[in-house]
Amino acid sequence: MAKKIEILGMGCAKCKQTHKIMEMAVKELGIDAVVEKVEDLEQIINRGVSATPAVAIDGKLVLSGKIPTLEEAKRILSKN
């Protein structure tokens, strides 16, 4: 079953960069995953995100408040 990777943020440049990096990491690792943007402020707040961009994998918040490097993104994906 594919992992569900969500990028939580209002569509700012940092959120777009995070989305691009997570997609690159998925491709490089060959993981079966779907990368989606979540830009609805109410959803973001309800998930307990205090700083964006944030990343959730299969509903679990794994990163908040910074853009991951490609290596960090791969590490996060490998652990989750």
N, C-alpha and C. Protein backbone atom coordinates (compact mmCIF):
# COMPACT_ATOMS: atom_id res chain seq x y z
N MET A 1 0.84 -1.19 0.00
CA MET A 1 0.00 0.00 0.00
C MET A 1 0.88 1.26 0.00
N ALA A 2 0.49 2.23 -0.78
CA ALA A 2 1.28 3.46 -0.91
C ALA A 2 1.25 4.28 0.37
N LYS A 3 2.41 4.87 0.68
CA LYS A 3 2.47 5.82 1.80
C LYS A 3 1.75 7.09 1.37
N LYS A 4 1.15 7.76 2.35
CA LYS A 4 0.51 9.04 2.09
C LYS A 4 1.36 10.11 2.75
N ILE A 5 1.99 10.94 1.92
CA ILE A 5 2.86 12.00 2.41
C ILE A 5 2.13 13.32 2.17
N GLU A 6 1.93 14.07 3.26
CA GLU A 6 1.22 15.34 3.14
C GLU A 6 2.16 16.49 3.50
N ILE A 7 2.14 17.52 2.66
CA ILE A 7 2.89 18.74 2.93
C ILE A 7 1.85 19.74 3.42
N LEU A 8 1.99 20.15 4.67
CA LEU A 8 1.02 21.06 5.27
C LEU A 8 1.58 22.48 5.26
N GLY A 9 0.85 23.38 4.64
CA GLY A 9 1.26 24.77 4.56
C GLY A 9 0.35 25.53 3.62
N MET A 10 0.44 26.83 3.67
CA MET A 10 -0.48 27.68 2.92
C MET A 10 -0.05 27.96 1.48
N GLY A 11 0.93 27.25 0.98
CA GLY A 11 1.34 27.43 -0.41
C GLY A 11 2.47 28.43 -0.60
N CYS A 12 3.19 28.72 0.47
CA CYS A 12 4.32 29.65 0.38
C CYS A 12 5.49 28.98 -0.35
N ALA A 13 6.52 29.75 -0.65
CA ALA A 13 7.69 29.22 -1.36
C ALA A 13 8.34 28.08 -0.59
N LYS A 14 8.41 28.18 0.75
CA LYS A 14 9.01 27.12 1.56
C LYS A 14 8.20 25.84 1.47
N CYS A 15 6.89 25.96 1.44
CA CYS A 15 6.02 24.78 1.33
C CYS A 15 6.19 24.12 -0.04
N LYS A 16 6.28 24.94 -1.07
CA LYS A 16 6.46 24.41 -2.43
C LYS A 16 7.81 23.70 -2.55
N GLN A 17 8.85 24.27 -1.94
CA GLN A 17 10.17 23.66 -1.96
C GLN A 17 10.15 22.32 -1.21
N THR A 18 9.48 22.29 -0.07
CA THR A 18 9.36 21.05 0.72
C THR A 18 8.65 19.98 -0.10
N HIS A 19 7.60 20.35 -0.80
CA HIS A 19 6.85 19.41 -1.65
C HIS A 19 7.78 18.83 -2.71
N LYS A 20 8.55 19.70 -3.37
CA LYS A 20 9.47 19.26 -4.42
C LYS A 20 10.53 18.30 -3.86
N ILE A 21 11.09 18.63 -2.71
CA ILE A 21 12.13 17.79 -2.09
C ILE A 21 11.55 16.42 -1.70
N MET A 22 10.37 16.40 -1.13
CA MET A 22 9.76 15.13 -0.72
C MET A 22 9.48 14.26 -1.96
N GLU A 23 9.04 14.88 -3.04
CA GLU A 23 8.80 14.12 -4.28
C GLU A 23 10.11 13.54 -4.83
N MET A 24 11.19 14.34 -4.77
CA MET A 24 12.49 13.85 -5.23
C MET A 24 12.96 12.68 -4.37
N ALA A 25 12.77 12.77 -3.06
CA ALA A 25 13.19 11.70 -2.15
C ALA A 25 12.41 10.42 -2.43
N VAL A 26 11.11 10.54 -2.64
CA VAL A 26 10.28 9.38 -2.97
C VAL A 26 10.79 8.71 -4.25
N LYS A 27 11.08 9.53 -5.26
CA LYS A 27 11.55 9.00 -6.54
C LYS A 27 12.91 8.31 -6.38
N GLU A 28 13.84 8.97 -5.67
CA GLU A 28 15.18 8.40 -5.51
C GLU A 28 15.17 7.10 -4.71
N LEU A 29 14.28 7.01 -3.73
CA LEU A 29 14.20 5.81 -2.91
C LEU A 29 13.34 4.72 -3.55
N GLY A 30 12.59 5.09 -4.58
CA GLY A 30 11.72 4.12 -5.24
C GLY A 30 10.56 3.67 -4.38
N ILE A 31 10.07 4.58 -3.53
CA ILE A 31 8.97 4.26 -2.61
C ILE A 31 7.63 4.45 -3.30
N ASP A 32 6.70 3.56 -3.00
CA ASP A 32 5.32 3.69 -3.48
C ASP A 32 4.64 4.69 -2.55
N ALA A 33 4.48 5.92 -3.03
CA ALA A 33 3.91 6.96 -2.18
C ALA A 33 3.18 8.00 -3.00
N VAL A 34 2.24 8.66 -2.36
CA VAL A 34 1.50 9.78 -2.93
C VAL A 34 1.86 11.00 -2.11
N VAL A 35 2.32 12.07 -2.78
CA VAL A 35 2.67 13.32 -2.10
C VAL A 35 1.57 14.33 -2.39
N GLU A 36 0.92 14.81 -1.32
CA GLU A 36 -0.20 15.74 -1.47
C GLU A 36 0.06 17.02 -0.69
N LYS A 37 -0.54 18.10 -1.16
CA LYS A 37 -0.49 19.37 -0.43
C LYS A 37 -1.75 19.51 0.40
N VAL A 38 -1.59 20.01 1.62
CA VAL A 38 -2.74 20.34 2.46
C VAL A 38 -2.60 21.83 2.76
N GLU A 39 -3.48 22.63 2.16
CA GLU A 39 -3.38 24.07 2.31
C GLU A 39 -4.53 24.67 3.11
N ASP A 40 -5.44 23.82 3.59
CA ASP A 40 -6.58 24.29 4.37
C ASP A 40 -6.13 24.62 5.79
N LEU A 41 -6.22 25.89 6.18
CA LEU A 41 -5.72 26.34 7.48
C LEU A 41 -6.36 25.59 8.64
N GLU A 42 -7.64 25.32 8.56
CA GLU A 42 -8.32 24.60 9.65
C GLU A 42 -7.75 23.19 9.83
N GLN A 43 -7.52 22.50 8.72
CA GLN A 43 -6.92 21.15 8.78
C GLN A 43 -5.52 21.21 9.39
N ILE A 44 -4.75 22.21 8.97
CA ILE A 44 -3.37 22.36 9.46
C ILE A 44 -3.38 22.59 10.97
N ILE A 45 -4.23 23.49 11.44
CA ILE A 45 -4.34 23.79 12.88
C ILE A 45 -4.82 22.57 13.65
N ASN A 46 -5.81 21.88 13.11
CA ASN A 46 -6.36 20.69 13.78
C ASN A 46 -5.35 19.57 13.94
N ARG A 47 -4.30 19.58 13.14
CA ARG A 47 -3.26 18.56 13.24
C ARG A 47 -2.16 18.95 14.23
N GLY A 48 -2.31 20.14 14.83
CA GLY A 48 -1.34 20.56 15.84
C GLY A 48 -0.08 21.17 15.26
N VAL A 49 -0.13 21.60 14.01
CA VAL A 49 1.04 22.20 13.38
C VAL A 49 1.16 23.65 13.86
N SER A 50 2.32 23.97 14.43
CA SER A 50 2.53 25.34 14.91
C SER A 50 3.40 26.14 13.95
N ALA A 51 4.17 25.47 13.09
CA ALA A 51 5.03 26.14 12.12
C ALA A 51 5.03 25.36 10.81
N THR A 52 4.93 26.09 9.72
CA THR A 52 4.97 25.45 8.41
C THR A 52 6.28 25.83 7.72
N PRO A 53 6.72 25.06 6.76
CA PRO A 53 6.07 23.86 6.24
C PRO A 53 6.17 22.70 7.22
N ALA A 54 5.21 21.80 7.11
CA ALA A 54 5.21 20.60 7.94
C ALA A 54 4.97 19.39 7.03
N VAL A 55 5.44 18.24 7.48
CA VAL A 55 5.28 17.01 6.70
C VAL A 55 4.66 15.94 7.60
N ALA A 56 3.63 15.29 7.07
CA ALA A 56 3.01 14.16 7.76
C ALA A 56 3.10 12.94 6.85
N ILE A 57 3.42 11.80 7.44
CA ILE A 57 3.46 10.55 6.69
C ILE A 57 2.44 9.61 7.33
N ASP A 58 1.50 9.18 6.50
CA ASP A 58 0.40 8.32 6.97
C ASP A 58 -0.25 8.90 8.23
N GLY A 59 -0.47 10.22 8.22
CA GLY A 59 -1.17 10.88 9.30
C GLY A 59 -0.32 11.29 10.49
N LYS A 60 0.94 10.88 10.51
CA LYS A 60 1.83 11.19 11.64
C LYS A 60 2.74 12.36 11.28
N LEU A 61 2.72 13.42 12.09
CA LEU A 61 3.56 14.58 11.85
C LEU A 61 5.02 14.21 12.09
N VAL A 62 5.87 14.41 11.08
CA VAL A 62 7.28 14.01 11.20
C VAL A 62 8.25 15.17 11.06
N LEU A 63 7.77 16.34 10.62
CA LEU A 63 8.64 17.50 10.45
C LEU A 63 7.78 18.75 10.49
N SER A 64 8.30 19.79 11.15
CA SER A 64 7.55 21.04 11.23
C SER A 64 8.50 22.22 11.33
N GLY A 65 8.18 23.27 10.57
CA GLY A 65 8.89 24.52 10.71
C GLY A 65 10.17 24.68 9.92
N LYS A 66 10.47 23.73 9.02
CA LYS A 66 11.68 23.89 8.21
C LYS A 66 11.59 23.10 6.93
N ILE A 67 12.43 23.50 5.98
CA ILE A 67 12.54 22.77 4.72
C ILE A 67 13.59 21.68 4.92
N PRO A 68 13.23 20.43 4.66
CA PRO A 68 14.25 19.38 4.81
C PRO A 68 15.23 19.40 3.64
N THR A 69 16.45 18.97 3.89
CA THR A 69 17.37 18.73 2.77
C THR A 69 16.92 17.43 2.13
N LEU A 70 17.43 17.13 0.96
CA LEU A 70 17.09 15.88 0.30
C LEU A 70 17.50 14.69 1.17
N GLU A 71 18.66 14.78 1.81
CA GLU A 71 19.11 13.69 2.69
C GLU A 71 18.19 13.52 3.90
N GLU A 72 17.77 14.63 4.50
CA GLU A 72 16.83 14.56 5.63
C GLU A 72 15.51 13.93 5.18
N ALA A 73 15.03 14.33 4.02
CA ALA A 73 13.77 13.78 3.50
C ALA A 73 13.88 12.27 3.31
N LYS A 74 15.00 11.82 2.76
CA LYS A 74 15.19 10.37 2.56
C LYS A 74 15.25 9.64 3.91
N ARG A 75 15.92 10.24 4.89
CA ARG A 75 16.00 9.62 6.22
C ARG A 75 14.60 9.51 6.84
N ILE A 76 13.83 10.58 6.74
CA ILE A 76 12.47 10.58 7.29
C ILE A 76 11.63 9.49 6.62
N LEU A 77 11.71 9.40 5.31
CA LEU A 77 10.94 8.39 4.58
C LEU A 77 11.38 6.98 4.92
N SER A 78 12.67 6.79 5.10
CA SER A 78 13.19 5.45 5.42
C SER A 78 12.75 5.00 6.81
N LYS A 79 12.61 5.95 7.74
CA LYS A 79 12.22 5.62 9.12
C LYS A 79 10.72 5.41 9.26
N ASN A 80 9.94 6.00 8.37
CA ASN A 80 8.47 5.96 8.50
C ASN A 80 7.89 5.11 7.42
